[in-house]
Amino acid sequence: MFQNCNFLIIKSKQLTQDKDLSQLLLANNVANIYIKDDFDNSKNYMDPPKITHIISNTIDFIEHDLAIKSMIPIVTPSWVYDSISSQKMQNIRTYNPDPAYFFKDCFICCADNLPPGDKELIYAAAQAFGGGYLDNITKYTTHLIAMDISNEKSILASSIIHDDDDNDSNGDMPNIKIVLPHWIDHCITMGKKLNEDNYLLPDAKILHDESNDVLKNEILPEILNDSLPPQNELDSELQFFKNKKFYINSDFNLSQRSSNAIKFVIERHGGSIIKKFDVSEIDIYLGKYRQGDTYKKSCASNRIIVGNLQWYILFWHLKVGLYL
């Protein structure tokens, strides 16, 4: 299985089982194994590029940026153990040690009664932050995103949710958490996976909190502000939309909740939204379709950046700064 693979194991405080990993890999016909400390730069393992996989429990090591540029997969030791256990190389995406991929253990499905634009945004976000998605409930589904439990998918998911005290429950079936879309919004805005308890249907706790505007489809600033720095303390990395003016086309068919979530993130990171299209005012045009007067005018400008929701989510995920 590991034939022709060259592994670099990064020793660190988070990874100390390098010898055990080496023995396990050698027993499974690995080509070469190299071991180094996280900040040891006495030898360049990336030139010439002979490493095929890097094993690490952290992204804090010298070779990280070059590995990303060279598209060398970085995985945790669990990838090795699980691949050997199943005798099949596992999906490397779900074993990435980068904390930015906080949805890596999530496989998401959306209820069919959510607006199409919301579903598109949720699926794009899930993928950008390390998760997977499929618009059908499968044995891999971990979360169903819904506003109620009266839709067909929620009824199906509710019927197969495990009862931990039920010894007769089918352990092969997925244990699906049915959560409000707000859970996705807040995870993305705060940059981490939040506990689902407050968002679980049918009796989501945040719907009973009179101090917020969930029922009005509002984002929850009082929750988000607890996990984000005050506006005057935002550093340059967090202000990657600084002074950029966005125009968001209505062809996305977003709910007010999703529109508010996008607006919150853009403004929180230094940008603003222009409600009326003006080619001389906007810096970034977000649209779904390559058609319409506003799209054509934006494309004709050599100054305006034209993108879709997938681009927006990916850009927010990378936080690289708008220097175009």
Protein backbone atom coordinates (compact mmCIF):
# COMPACT_ATOMS: atom_id res chain seq x y z
CA MET A 1 0.00 0.00 0.00
CA PHE A 2 2.81 2.43 0.83
CA GLN A 3 5.11 1.20 -1.92
CA ASN A 4 7.04 4.07 -3.59
CA CYS A 5 6.01 6.44 -0.76
CA ASN A 6 8.61 8.57 1.02
CA PHE A 7 7.49 9.74 4.46
CA LEU A 8 8.84 12.63 6.51
CA ILE A 9 7.87 12.36 10.19
CA ILE A 10 7.94 15.63 12.13
CA LYS A 11 8.80 15.07 15.79
CA SER A 12 7.28 17.58 18.19
CA LYS A 13 5.65 17.90 21.59
CA GLN A 14 2.44 16.79 19.88
CA LEU A 15 4.05 13.81 18.11
CA THR A 16 6.42 11.57 20.02
CA GLN A 17 5.59 8.13 18.59
CA ASP A 18 8.01 8.47 15.65
CA LYS A 19 9.67 5.09 16.28
CA ASP A 20 6.36 3.25 16.42
CA LEU A 21 5.24 4.94 13.21
CA SER A 22 8.51 4.03 11.49
CA GLN A 23 8.21 0.37 12.42
CA LEU A 24 4.60 0.28 11.30
CA LEU A 25 5.38 1.91 7.95
CA LEU A 26 8.38 -0.35 7.32
CA ALA A 27 6.19 -3.37 7.98
CA ASN A 28 3.88 -2.10 5.24
CA ASN A 29 6.53 -1.74 2.52
CA VAL A 30 7.20 1.99 2.68
CA ALA A 31 10.03 3.11 0.38
CA ASN A 32 11.81 5.56 2.69
CA ILE A 33 11.28 7.17 6.09
CA TYR A 34 12.91 10.38 7.31
CA ILE A 35 12.53 11.75 10.84
CA LYS A 36 13.31 15.28 11.99
CA ASP A 37 12.48 17.71 14.78
CA ASP A 38 9.93 20.37 13.93
CA PHE A 39 12.39 23.28 13.74
CA ASP A 40 15.54 21.43 12.72
CA ASN A 41 16.85 22.99 9.50
CA SER A 42 20.18 21.16 9.29
CA LYS A 43 18.98 19.22 6.23
CA ASN A 44 16.69 20.21 3.37
CA TYR A 45 14.28 17.34 2.72
CA MET A 46 12.33 19.29 0.10
CA ASP A 47 15.08 19.88 -2.46
CA PRO A 48 15.02 17.84 -4.57
CA PRO A 49 11.37 17.08 -3.80
CA LYS A 50 11.46 13.41 -2.85
CA ILE A 51 8.97 13.46 0.03
CA THR A 52 5.48 12.19 -0.88
CA HIS A 53 3.82 12.48 2.56
CA ILE A 54 4.50 14.42 5.76
CA ILE A 55 3.25 13.11 9.11
CA SER A 56 2.71 15.74 11.78
CA ASN A 57 0.24 16.68 14.51
CA THR A 58 0.84 20.38 13.95
CA ILE A 59 1.48 22.84 11.12
CA ASP A 60 4.24 24.58 13.06
CA PHE A 61 7.30 23.19 11.30
CA ILE A 62 9.82 24.64 8.86
CA GLU A 63 8.74 22.70 5.76
CA HIS A 64 5.04 23.50 6.06
CA ASP A 65 4.73 26.39 3.59
CA LEU A 66 6.89 24.69 0.99
CA ALA A 67 4.91 21.47 1.38
CA ILE A 68 1.68 23.37 0.71
CA LYS A 69 3.16 25.01 -2.39
CA SER A 70 4.47 21.64 -3.59
CA MET A 71 1.08 19.99 -2.90
CA ILE A 72 2.63 17.43 -0.55
CA PRO A 73 -0.08 16.03 1.74
CA ILE A 74 0.32 16.65 5.46
CA VAL A 75 -1.48 14.12 7.65
CA THR A 76 -1.72 13.11 11.29
CA PRO A 77 -0.53 9.68 12.52
CA SER A 78 -4.17 8.59 12.59
CA TRP A 79 -4.10 8.51 8.79
CA VAL A 80 -1.41 5.84 8.91
CA TYR A 81 -3.22 3.79 11.55
CA ASP A 82 -6.60 4.00 9.80
CA SER A 83 -5.14 3.29 6.35
CA ILE A 84 -3.38 0.18 7.61
CA SER A 85 -6.43 -0.94 9.56
CA SER A 86 -8.66 -0.73 6.48
CA GLN A 87 -5.88 -1.76 4.06
CA LYS A 88 -6.77 1.26 1.97
CA MET A 89 -5.32 4.76 1.88
CA GLN A 90 -7.83 7.05 3.58
CA ASN A 91 -8.91 10.47 2.35
CA ILE A 92 -6.04 12.76 3.39
CA ARG A 93 -8.36 15.76 3.67
CA THR A 94 -9.96 14.51 6.87
CA TYR A 95 -6.56 13.96 8.54
CA ASN A 96 -5.10 17.41 7.96
CA PRO A 97 -3.60 18.82 11.21
CA ASP A 98 -4.34 22.41 10.15
CA PRO A 99 -6.85 23.81 12.70
CA ALA A 100 -8.36 25.87 9.88
CA TYR A 101 -9.99 22.66 8.62
CA PHE A 102 -12.36 22.49 11.57
CA PHE A 103 -15.07 20.71 9.57
CA LYS A 104 -12.78 17.79 8.73
CA ASP A 105 -14.86 15.34 10.79
CA CYS A 106 -18.14 16.58 9.32
CA PHE A 107 -20.11 15.26 6.36
CA ILE A 108 -22.99 17.63 5.74
CA CYS A 109 -26.39 17.42 4.09
CA CYS A 110 -28.97 20.21 3.76
CA ALA A 111 -32.74 19.97 4.03
CA ASP A 112 -34.52 20.49 0.73
CA ASN A 113 -36.63 23.39 2.01
CA LEU A 114 -33.61 25.65 2.53
CA PRO A 115 -33.17 28.36 -0.13
CA PRO A 116 -30.93 27.15 -3.01
CA GLY A 117 -28.45 29.94 -2.36
CA ASP A 118 -28.15 28.96 1.30
CA LYS A 119 -27.47 25.34 0.38
CA GLU A 120 -24.80 26.38 -2.10
CA LEU A 121 -23.14 28.60 0.50
CA ILE A 122 -23.25 25.90 3.19
CA TYR A 123 -21.78 23.23 0.92
CA ALA A 124 -19.03 25.57 -0.29
CA ALA A 125 -18.17 26.44 3.31
CA ALA A 126 -18.13 22.81 4.40
CA GLN A 127 -15.71 21.90 1.63
CA ALA A 128 -13.46 24.94 2.10
CA PHE A 129 -13.01 24.18 5.80
CA GLY A 130 -12.17 20.52 5.39
CA GLY A 131 -15.55 18.82 5.45
CA GLY A 132 -17.54 16.85 2.92
CA TYR A 133 -21.09 17.09 1.66
CA LEU A 134 -23.71 15.27 -0.34
CA ASP A 135 -27.26 16.41 -0.97
CA ASN A 136 -28.59 13.04 0.16
CA ILE A 137 -28.48 11.35 3.56
CA THR A 138 -25.97 8.51 3.52
CA LYS A 139 -24.15 6.37 6.06
CA TYR A 140 -21.44 9.05 6.12
CA THR A 141 -23.75 11.97 7.02
CA THR A 142 -22.88 13.55 10.38
CA HIS A 143 -24.94 16.75 10.24
CA LEU A 144 -28.24 17.68 8.63
CA ILE A 145 -28.71 21.43 8.28
CA ALA A 146 -32.38 22.37 8.61
CA MET A 147 -34.74 25.02 9.95
CA ASP A 148 -37.33 22.49 11.13
CA ILE A 149 -37.92 18.76 11.48
CA SER A 150 -41.00 18.59 9.28
CA ASN A 151 -39.08 18.17 6.03
CA GLU A 152 -38.47 14.74 4.52
CA LYS A 153 -34.74 14.57 5.30
CA SER A 154 -35.26 15.59 8.93
CA ILE A 155 -37.91 12.92 9.37
CA LEU A 156 -35.54 10.33 7.90
CA ALA A 157 -32.60 11.52 10.02
CA SER A 158 -34.73 11.55 13.18
CA SER A 159 -35.82 7.98 12.56
CA ILE A 160 -32.25 6.66 12.54
CA ILE A 161 -30.68 8.75 15.31
CA HIS A 162 -29.17 6.36 17.84
CA ASP A 163 -30.38 6.08 21.37
CA ASP A 164 -27.24 5.54 23.45
CA ASP A 165 -29.29 3.48 25.91
CA ASP A 166 -30.85 1.32 23.20
CA ASN A 167 -28.86 -1.87 22.81
CA ASP A 168 -30.86 -2.80 19.73
CA SER A 169 -29.90 0.31 17.77
CA ASN A 170 -28.12 -0.36 14.50
CA GLY A 171 -24.51 0.68 14.98
CA ASP A 172 -23.94 0.70 11.23
CA MET A 173 -26.36 3.57 10.72
CA PRO A 174 -25.22 7.19 11.00
CA ASN A 175 -25.88 9.18 14.16
CA ILE A 176 -26.95 12.42 12.53
CA LYS A 177 -27.15 15.75 14.33
CA ILE A 178 -29.94 17.97 13.01
CA VAL A 179 -28.77 21.56 13.50
CA LEU A 180 -29.86 25.04 12.51
CA PRO A 181 -27.96 26.76 9.66
CA HIS A 182 -26.80 29.28 12.25
CA TRP A 183 -24.38 26.63 13.53
CA ILE A 184 -22.53 26.75 10.20
CA ASP A 185 -22.55 30.57 10.20
CA HIS A 186 -21.10 30.82 13.68
CA CYS A 187 -18.47 28.11 13.14
CA ILE A 188 -17.21 29.90 10.04
CA THR A 189 -17.26 33.34 11.60
CA MET A 190 -15.40 32.19 14.70
CA GLY A 191 -13.01 29.92 12.81
CA LYS A 192 -13.64 26.78 14.83
CA LYS A 193 -16.14 23.98 15.24
CA LEU A 194 -18.68 24.89 17.90
CA ASN A 195 -20.56 22.53 20.16
CA GLU A 196 -23.84 21.66 18.46
CA ASP A 197 -25.95 21.45 21.63
CA ASN A 198 -27.39 24.97 21.39
CA TYR A 199 -28.34 24.46 17.74
CA LEU A 200 -29.91 20.99 17.85
CA LEU A 201 -33.44 20.61 16.56
CA PRO A 202 -36.25 20.20 17.40
CA ASP A 203 -35.65 22.26 20.53
CA ALA A 204 -32.67 24.49 19.71
CA LYS A 205 -31.69 26.49 22.79
CA ILE A 206 -30.77 29.62 20.84
CA LEU A 207 -34.36 29.89 19.64
CA HIS A 208 -35.42 30.42 23.25
CA ASP A 209 -32.81 33.07 23.99
CA GLU A 210 -34.74 36.33 24.05
CA SER A 211 -31.49 38.31 24.01
CA ASN A 212 -30.79 37.48 20.36
CA ASP A 213 -32.59 37.89 17.06
CA VAL A 214 -32.43 34.36 15.73
CA LEU A 215 -36.15 34.34 15.03
CA LYS A 216 -35.63 37.45 12.92
CA ASN A 217 -32.95 35.61 10.90
CA GLU A 218 -30.19 37.73 12.37
CA ILE A 219 -26.60 36.73 13.01
CA LEU A 220 -25.68 36.66 16.69
CA PRO A 221 -23.18 39.45 17.35
CA GLU A 222 -23.30 38.97 21.11
CA ILE A 223 -22.10 35.38 20.65
CA LEU A 224 -19.61 36.15 17.91
CA ASN A 225 -18.08 39.11 19.67
CA ASP A 226 -17.06 36.87 22.56
CA SER A 227 -14.71 35.00 20.24
CA LEU A 228 -13.44 37.82 18.02
CA PRO A 229 -11.17 40.74 18.98
CA PRO A 230 -12.73 44.19 19.38
CA GLN A 231 -12.91 46.11 16.10
CA ASN A 232 -10.12 48.48 17.12
CA GLU A 233 -7.81 45.57 17.93
CA LEU A 234 -8.09 43.74 14.62
CA ASP A 235 -4.65 43.18 13.17
CA SER A 236 -3.77 43.39 9.48
CA GLU A 237 -4.31 39.65 9.01
CA LEU A 238 -7.90 39.87 10.22
CA GLN A 239 -8.60 42.95 8.11
CA PHE A 240 -8.08 41.16 4.81
CA PHE A 241 -11.15 42.95 3.35
CA LYS A 242 -9.91 46.36 4.51
CA ASN A 243 -11.48 49.26 2.58
CA LYS A 244 -12.95 46.89 -0.02
CA LYS A 245 -16.50 47.61 -1.20
CA PHE A 246 -18.62 44.61 -2.18
CA TYR A 247 -21.67 44.38 -4.39
CA ILE A 248 -23.62 41.12 -3.97
CA ASN A 249 -25.96 40.25 -6.82
CA SER A 250 -29.45 39.06 -5.98
CA ASP A 251 -29.12 35.99 -8.25
CA PHE A 252 -27.76 33.94 -5.33
CA ASN A 253 -31.28 33.57 -3.87
CA LEU A 254 -30.00 33.82 -0.29
CA SER A 255 -32.15 34.00 2.80
CA GLN A 256 -31.96 37.09 4.97
CA ARG A 257 -30.05 35.02 7.53
CA SER A 258 -27.31 34.09 5.03
CA SER A 259 -27.16 37.65 3.69
CA ASN A 260 -26.70 38.94 7.23
CA ALA A 261 -23.98 36.36 7.92
CA ILE A 262 -22.02 37.40 4.82
CA LYS A 263 -22.48 41.08 5.68
CA PHE A 264 -21.27 40.47 9.23
CA VAL A 265 -18.07 38.73 8.08
CA ILE A 266 -17.26 41.34 5.42
CA GLU A 267 -17.75 44.27 7.77
CA ARG A 268 -16.00 42.53 10.66
CA HIS A 269 -12.90 42.20 8.51
CA GLY A 270 -12.72 45.73 7.19
CA GLY A 271 -15.00 45.68 4.15
CA SER A 272 -18.40 47.11 3.37
CA ILE A 273 -21.38 46.29 1.16
CA ILE A 274 -22.77 48.65 -1.48
CA LYS A 275 -26.50 48.06 -1.98
CA LYS A 276 -26.84 49.99 -5.25
CA PHE A 277 -24.54 48.98 -8.08
CA ASP A 278 -22.08 51.69 -9.11
CA VAL A 279 -19.13 50.60 -11.24
CA SER A 280 -17.05 53.50 -9.95
CA GLU A 281 -17.68 52.62 -6.30
CA ILE A 282 -17.36 48.86 -5.90
CA ASP A 283 -14.14 46.85 -5.69
CA ILE A 284 -15.56 43.32 -5.66
CA TYR A 285 -18.58 41.91 -7.49
CA LEU A 286 -20.08 38.65 -6.22
CA GLY A 287 -22.55 36.90 -8.50
CA LYS A 288 -23.76 33.41 -9.33
CA TYR A 289 -24.30 33.63 -13.08
CA ARG A 290 -22.15 35.06 -15.85
CA GLN A 291 -24.90 37.23 -17.18
CA GLY A 292 -26.69 40.49 -16.55
CA ASP A 293 -25.81 44.14 -16.89
CA THR A 294 -24.00 44.41 -13.54
CA TYR A 295 -21.87 41.35 -14.34
CA LYS A 296 -20.88 42.68 -17.78
CA LYS A 297 -19.99 46.11 -16.42
CA SER A 298 -17.91 44.56 -13.64
CA CYS A 299 -16.03 42.35 -16.09
CA ALA A 300 -15.38 45.32 -18.36
CA SER A 301 -13.65 47.15 -15.52
CA ASN A 302 -9.94 46.49 -15.10
CA ARG A 303 -10.26 47.33 -11.41
CA ILE A 304 -13.20 45.25 -10.15
CA ILE A 305 -12.63 41.69 -8.92
CA VAL A 306 -15.39 39.33 -10.07
CA GLY A 307 -16.08 36.21 -8.02
CA ASN A 308 -18.76 33.84 -6.76
CA LEU A 309 -19.62 32.49 -3.30
CA GLN A 310 -17.07 29.69 -3.60
CA TRP A 311 -14.36 32.27 -4.27
CA TYR A 312 -15.54 34.36 -1.34
CA ILE A 313 -15.49 31.40 1.06
CA LEU A 314 -12.08 30.22 -0.15
CA PHE A 315 -10.65 33.73 0.10
CA TRP A 316 -12.01 34.14 3.62
CA HIS A 317 -10.54 30.76 4.53
CA LEU A 318 -7.08 31.68 3.23
CA LYS A 319 -7.14 35.21 4.73
CA VAL A 320 -4.43 36.31 2.32
CA GLY A 321 -5.42 39.94 1.94
CA LEU A 322 -6.81 41.72 -1.10
CA TYR A 323 -3.77 43.17 -2.82
CA LEU A 324 -5.03 42.80 -6.40
